[in-house]
Amino acid sequence: MPDVPAHGAADPADREAAGLRIAPVSGRGYRGCRLVGEVDFTSSGPMQATLTSLILPSGGTVVADLTAVTFIDSSGLGALVQAHRTALERETRLLVVGSTPVLRLLRVTGLDTVLDTYDSLDKAVASIPAPP
């Protein structure tokens, strides 16, 4: 089971951005963030900045947990695409875990064929190879 902050726990690394809460998550073989709320024009910038800061040149795996995201607009999708491009440049694997509305929009836009998407954090974590 991944190491995730307890629901409602106050973590000094948590960030609030116009209706979006961003909290760090990590587990064996990955680092990432959990987003809670809505991703739109006002909150997509902080989301993209957070993802970019997690995508290190040394590679590895970054998980963007959007299972608690209730709405995402085109600016949010653009932030995910930019994070994906950055991950490719830095030889890092970006896994996007989405809520039903997020995954539906990724399917409709065809981004589910570009991004590495999952419907649960457990499935995403299970896809990460064990470290040597």
C-alpha atoms as a PDB file:
ATOM      1  CA  MET A   1       0.000   0.000   0.000  1.00  0.00           C
ATOM      2  CA  PRO A   2       1.397   3.437  -0.899  1.00  0.00           C
ATOM      3  CA  ASP A   3       2.463   5.891   1.770  1.00  0.00           C
ATOM      4  CA  VAL A   4      -0.113   8.675   1.604  1.00  0.00           C
ATOM      5  CA  PRO A   5      -0.759  11.390   4.166  1.00  0.00           C
ATOM      6  CA  ALA A   6      -3.838  10.687   6.270  1.00  0.00           C
ATOM      7  CA  HIS A   7      -7.013  12.320   4.995  1.00  0.00           C
ATOM      8  CA  GLY A   8      -7.272  15.738   6.524  1.00  0.00           C
ATOM      9  CA  ALA A   9      -3.785  15.615   8.032  1.00  0.00           C
ATOM     10  CA  ALA A  10      -2.037  18.967   8.035  1.00  0.00           C
ATOM     11  CA  ASP A  11       1.179  18.567   6.093  1.00  0.00           C
ATOM     12  CA  PRO A  12       3.434  21.616   5.799  1.00  0.00           C
ATOM     13  CA  ALA A  13       4.129  20.675   2.155  1.00  0.00           C
ATOM     14  CA  ASP A  14       0.421  20.894   1.245  1.00  0.00           C
ATOM     15  CA  ARG A  15      -0.437  23.756  -1.118  1.00  0.00           C
ATOM     16  CA  GLU A  16      -3.727  25.487  -1.820  1.00  0.00           C
ATOM     17  CA  ALA A  17      -4.364  27.033  -5.222  1.00  0.00           C
ATOM     18  CA  ALA A  18      -7.756  28.554  -6.058  1.00  0.00           C
ATOM     19  CA  GLY A  19      -9.984  25.583  -5.248  1.00  0.00           C
ATOM     20  CA  LEU A  20      -7.237  22.970  -5.611  1.00  0.00           C
ATOM     21  CA  ARG A  21      -5.308  21.320  -2.805  1.00  0.00           C
ATOM     22  CA  ILE A  22      -1.947  19.786  -3.730  1.00  0.00           C
ATOM     23  CA  ALA A  23      -0.337  17.359  -1.281  1.00  0.00           C
ATOM     24  CA  PRO A  24       2.894  15.391  -1.663  1.00  0.00           C
ATOM     25  CA  VAL A  25       2.722  11.594  -1.860  1.00  0.00           C
ATOM     26  CA  SER A  26       5.428   8.989  -2.125  1.00  0.00           C
ATOM     27  CA  GLY A  27       5.937   5.286  -1.877  1.00  0.00           C
ATOM     28  CA  ARG A  28       8.364   2.590  -2.889  1.00  0.00           C
ATOM     29  CA  GLY A  29       9.745   3.598  -6.256  1.00  0.00           C
ATOM     30  CA  TYR A  30       7.838   6.847  -6.805  1.00  0.00           C
ATOM     31  CA  ARG A  31       7.234  10.413  -5.733  1.00  0.00           C
ATOM     32  CA  GLY A  32       4.256  12.517  -6.648  1.00  0.00           C
ATOM     33  CA  CYS A  33       1.326  14.630  -5.624  1.00  0.00           C
ATOM     34  CA  ARG A  34      -2.366  14.214  -4.846  1.00  0.00           C
ATOM     35  CA  LEU A  35      -4.712  16.854  -6.163  1.00  0.00           C
ATOM     36  CA  VAL A  36      -8.088  17.528  -4.560  1.00  0.00           C
ATOM     37  CA  GLY A  37     -10.691  19.870  -6.055  1.00  0.00           C
ATOM     38  CA  GLU A  38     -10.937  21.574  -9.433  1.00  0.00           C
ATOM     39  CA  VAL A  39      -8.204  22.161 -12.000  1.00  0.00           C
ATOM     40  CA  ASP A  40      -8.893  25.218 -14.113  1.00  0.00           C
ATOM     41  CA  PHE A  41      -7.120  28.293 -15.451  1.00  0.00           C
ATOM     42  CA  THR A  42      -6.408  29.628 -11.955  1.00  0.00           C
ATOM     43  CA  SER A  43      -5.053  26.364 -10.500  1.00  0.00           C
ATOM     44  CA  SER A  44      -3.369  24.690 -13.484  1.00  0.00           C
ATOM     45  CA  GLY A  45      -0.201  26.786 -13.079  1.00  0.00           C
ATOM     46  CA  PRO A  46       0.516  25.586  -9.530  1.00  0.00           C
ATOM     47  CA  MET A  47      -0.322  22.027 -10.606  1.00  0.00           C
ATOM     48  CA  GLN A  48       2.139  22.216 -13.508  1.00  0.00           C
ATOM     49  CA  ALA A  49       4.817  23.816 -11.308  1.00  0.00           C
ATOM     50  CA  THR A  50       4.430  21.052  -8.738  1.00  0.00           C
ATOM     51  CA  LEU A  51       4.644  18.282 -11.341  1.00  0.00           C
ATOM     52  CA  THR A  52       7.648  19.901 -13.019  1.00  0.00           C
ATOM     53  CA  SER A  53       9.453  20.167  -9.686  1.00  0.00           C
ATOM     54  CA  LEU A  54       8.921  16.435  -9.108  1.00  0.00           C
ATOM     55  CA  ILE A  55      10.231  15.417 -12.542  1.00  0.00           C
ATOM     56  CA  LEU A  56      13.950  15.215 -11.878  1.00  0.00           C
ATOM     57  CA  PRO A  57      16.649  14.771 -14.544  1.00  0.00           C
ATOM     58  CA  SER A  58      17.699  11.541 -12.862  1.00  0.00           C
ATOM     59  CA  GLY A  59      14.572   9.736 -14.020  1.00  0.00           C
ATOM     60  CA  GLY A  60      12.369   7.585 -11.862  1.00  0.00           C
ATOM     61  CA  THR A  61       8.609   7.621 -11.599  1.00  0.00           C
ATOM     62  CA  VAL A  62       6.248  10.483 -10.765  1.00  0.00           C
ATOM     63  CA  VAL A  63       2.595   9.875  -9.911  1.00  0.00           C
ATOM     64  CA  ALA A  64      -0.040  12.562 -10.413  1.00  0.00           C
ATOM     65  CA  ASP A  65      -3.016  11.375  -8.361  1.00  0.00           C
ATOM     66  CA  LEU A  66      -6.119  13.112  -9.694  1.00  0.00           C
ATOM     67  CA  THR A  67      -8.631  10.658  -8.184  1.00  0.00           C
ATOM     68  CA  ALA A  68     -10.120  13.470  -6.070  1.00  0.00           C
ATOM     69  CA  VAL A  69     -10.300  15.973  -8.936  1.00  0.00           C
ATOM     70  CA  THR A  70     -13.928  16.788  -9.717  1.00  0.00           C
ATOM     71  CA  PHE A  71     -13.329  19.063 -12.716  1.00  0.00           C
ATOM     72  CA  ILE A  72     -10.497  19.708 -15.165  1.00  0.00           C
ATOM     73  CA  ASP A  73     -10.539  22.133 -18.097  1.00  0.00           C
ATOM     74  CA  SER A  74      -8.296  22.583 -21.127  1.00  0.00           C
ATOM     75  CA  SER A  75      -5.661  24.461 -19.136  1.00  0.00           C
ATOM     76  CA  GLY A  76      -5.421  21.499 -16.779  1.00  0.00           C
ATOM     77  CA  LEU A  77      -5.084  19.133 -19.725  1.00  0.00           C
ATOM     78  CA  GLY A  78      -2.392  21.403 -21.138  1.00  0.00           C
ATOM     79  CA  ALA A  79      -0.513  21.258 -17.831  1.00  0.00           C
ATOM     80  CA  LEU A  80      -0.632  17.444 -17.928  1.00  0.00           C
ATOM     81  CA  VAL A  81       0.663  17.406 -21.518  1.00  0.00           C
ATOM     82  CA  GLN A  82       3.488  19.790 -20.617  1.00  0.00           C
ATOM     83  CA  ALA A  83       4.390  17.643 -17.589  1.00  0.00           C
ATOM     84  CA  HIS A  84       4.389  14.596 -19.886  1.00  0.00           C
ATOM     85  CA  ARG A  85       6.773  16.337 -22.310  1.00  0.00           C
ATOM     86  CA  THR A  86       9.068  17.352 -19.458  1.00  0.00           C
ATOM     87  CA  ALA A  87       9.033  13.788 -18.142  1.00  0.00           C
ATOM     88  CA  LEU A  88      10.010  12.427 -21.570  1.00  0.00           C
ATOM     89  CA  GLU A  89      12.865  14.949 -21.849  1.00  0.00           C
ATOM     90  CA  ARG A  90      14.132  13.956 -18.393  1.00  0.00           C
ATOM     91  CA  GLU A  91      13.650  10.212 -18.912  1.00  0.00           C
ATOM     92  CA  THR A  92      11.083  10.089 -16.118  1.00  0.00           C
ATOM     93  CA  ARG A  93       7.887   8.058 -16.159  1.00  0.00           C
ATOM     94  CA  LEU A  94       4.749  10.116 -15.405  1.00  0.00           C
ATOM     95  CA  LEU A  95       1.705   8.132 -14.268  1.00  0.00           C
ATOM     96  CA  VAL A  96      -1.662   9.902 -14.222  1.00  0.00           C
ATOM     97  CA  VAL A  97      -4.277   8.409 -11.909  1.00  0.00           C
ATOM     98  CA  GLY A  98      -7.668   9.886 -12.653  1.00  0.00           C
ATOM     99  CA  SER A  99     -11.161  10.165 -11.268  1.00  0.00           C
ATOM    100  CA  THR A 100     -13.995   9.067 -13.549  1.00  0.00           C
ATOM    101  CA  PRO A 101     -14.564  12.618 -14.909  1.00  0.00           C
ATOM    102  CA  VAL A 102     -10.841  13.108 -15.554  1.00  0.00           C
ATOM    103  CA  LEU A 103     -10.424   9.747 -17.296  1.00  0.00           C
ATOM    104  CA  ARG A 104     -13.555  10.375 -19.384  1.00  0.00           C
ATOM    105  CA  LEU A 105     -12.144  13.695 -20.605  1.00  0.00           C
ATOM    106  CA  LEU A 106      -8.766  12.107 -21.337  1.00  0.00           C
ATOM    107  CA  ARG A 107     -10.557   9.452 -23.435  1.00  0.00           C
ATOM    108  CA  VAL A 108     -12.686  11.995 -25.315  1.00  0.00           C
ATOM    109  CA  THR A 109      -9.626  14.110 -26.155  1.00  0.00           C
ATOM    110  CA  GLY A 110      -7.453  11.118 -27.048  1.00  0.00           C
ATOM    111  CA  LEU A 111      -4.927  11.974 -24.341  1.00  0.00           C
ATOM    112  CA  ASP A 112      -5.432   8.534 -22.796  1.00  0.00           C
ATOM    113  CA  THR A 113      -3.354   7.231 -25.712  1.00  0.00           C
ATOM    114  CA  VAL A 114      -0.540   9.717 -24.974  1.00  0.00           C
ATOM    115  CA  LEU A 115      -0.473   9.753 -21.172  1.00  0.00           C
ATOM    116  CA  ASP A 116       0.132   6.694 -18.981  1.00  0.00           C
ATOM    117  CA  THR A 117      -3.276   6.610 -17.231  1.00  0.00           C
ATOM    118  CA  TYR A 118      -4.761   4.494 -14.435  1.00  0.00           C
ATOM    119  CA  ASP A 119      -8.079   4.401 -12.607  1.00  0.00           C
ATOM    120  CA  SER A 120      -6.558   3.687  -9.183  1.00  0.00           C
ATOM    121  CA  LEU A 121      -3.389   4.485  -7.321  1.00  0.00           C
ATOM    122  CA  ASP A 122      -2.915   0.796  -6.505  1.00  0.00           C
ATOM    123  CA  LYS A 123      -2.902  -0.111 -10.220  1.00  0.00           C
ATOM    124  CA  ALA A 124      -0.453   2.685 -11.012  1.00  0.00           C
ATOM    125  CA  VAL A 125       1.890   1.633  -8.200  1.00  0.00           C
ATOM    126  CA  ALA A 126       1.653  -2.012  -9.306  1.00  0.00           C
ATOM    127  CA  SER A 127       2.971  -0.968 -12.741  1.00  0.00           C
ATOM    128  CA  ILE A 128       6.201   0.434 -11.269  1.00  0.00           C
ATOM    129  CA  PRO A 129       9.087  -2.009 -11.617  1.00  0.00           C
ATOM    130  CA  ALA A 130      10.770  -3.058  -8.393  1.00  0.00           C
ATOM    131  CA  PRO A 131      14.092  -1.281  -7.827  1.00  0.00           C
ATOM    132  CA  PRO A 132      17.194  -3.387  -8.551  1.00  0.00           C
END
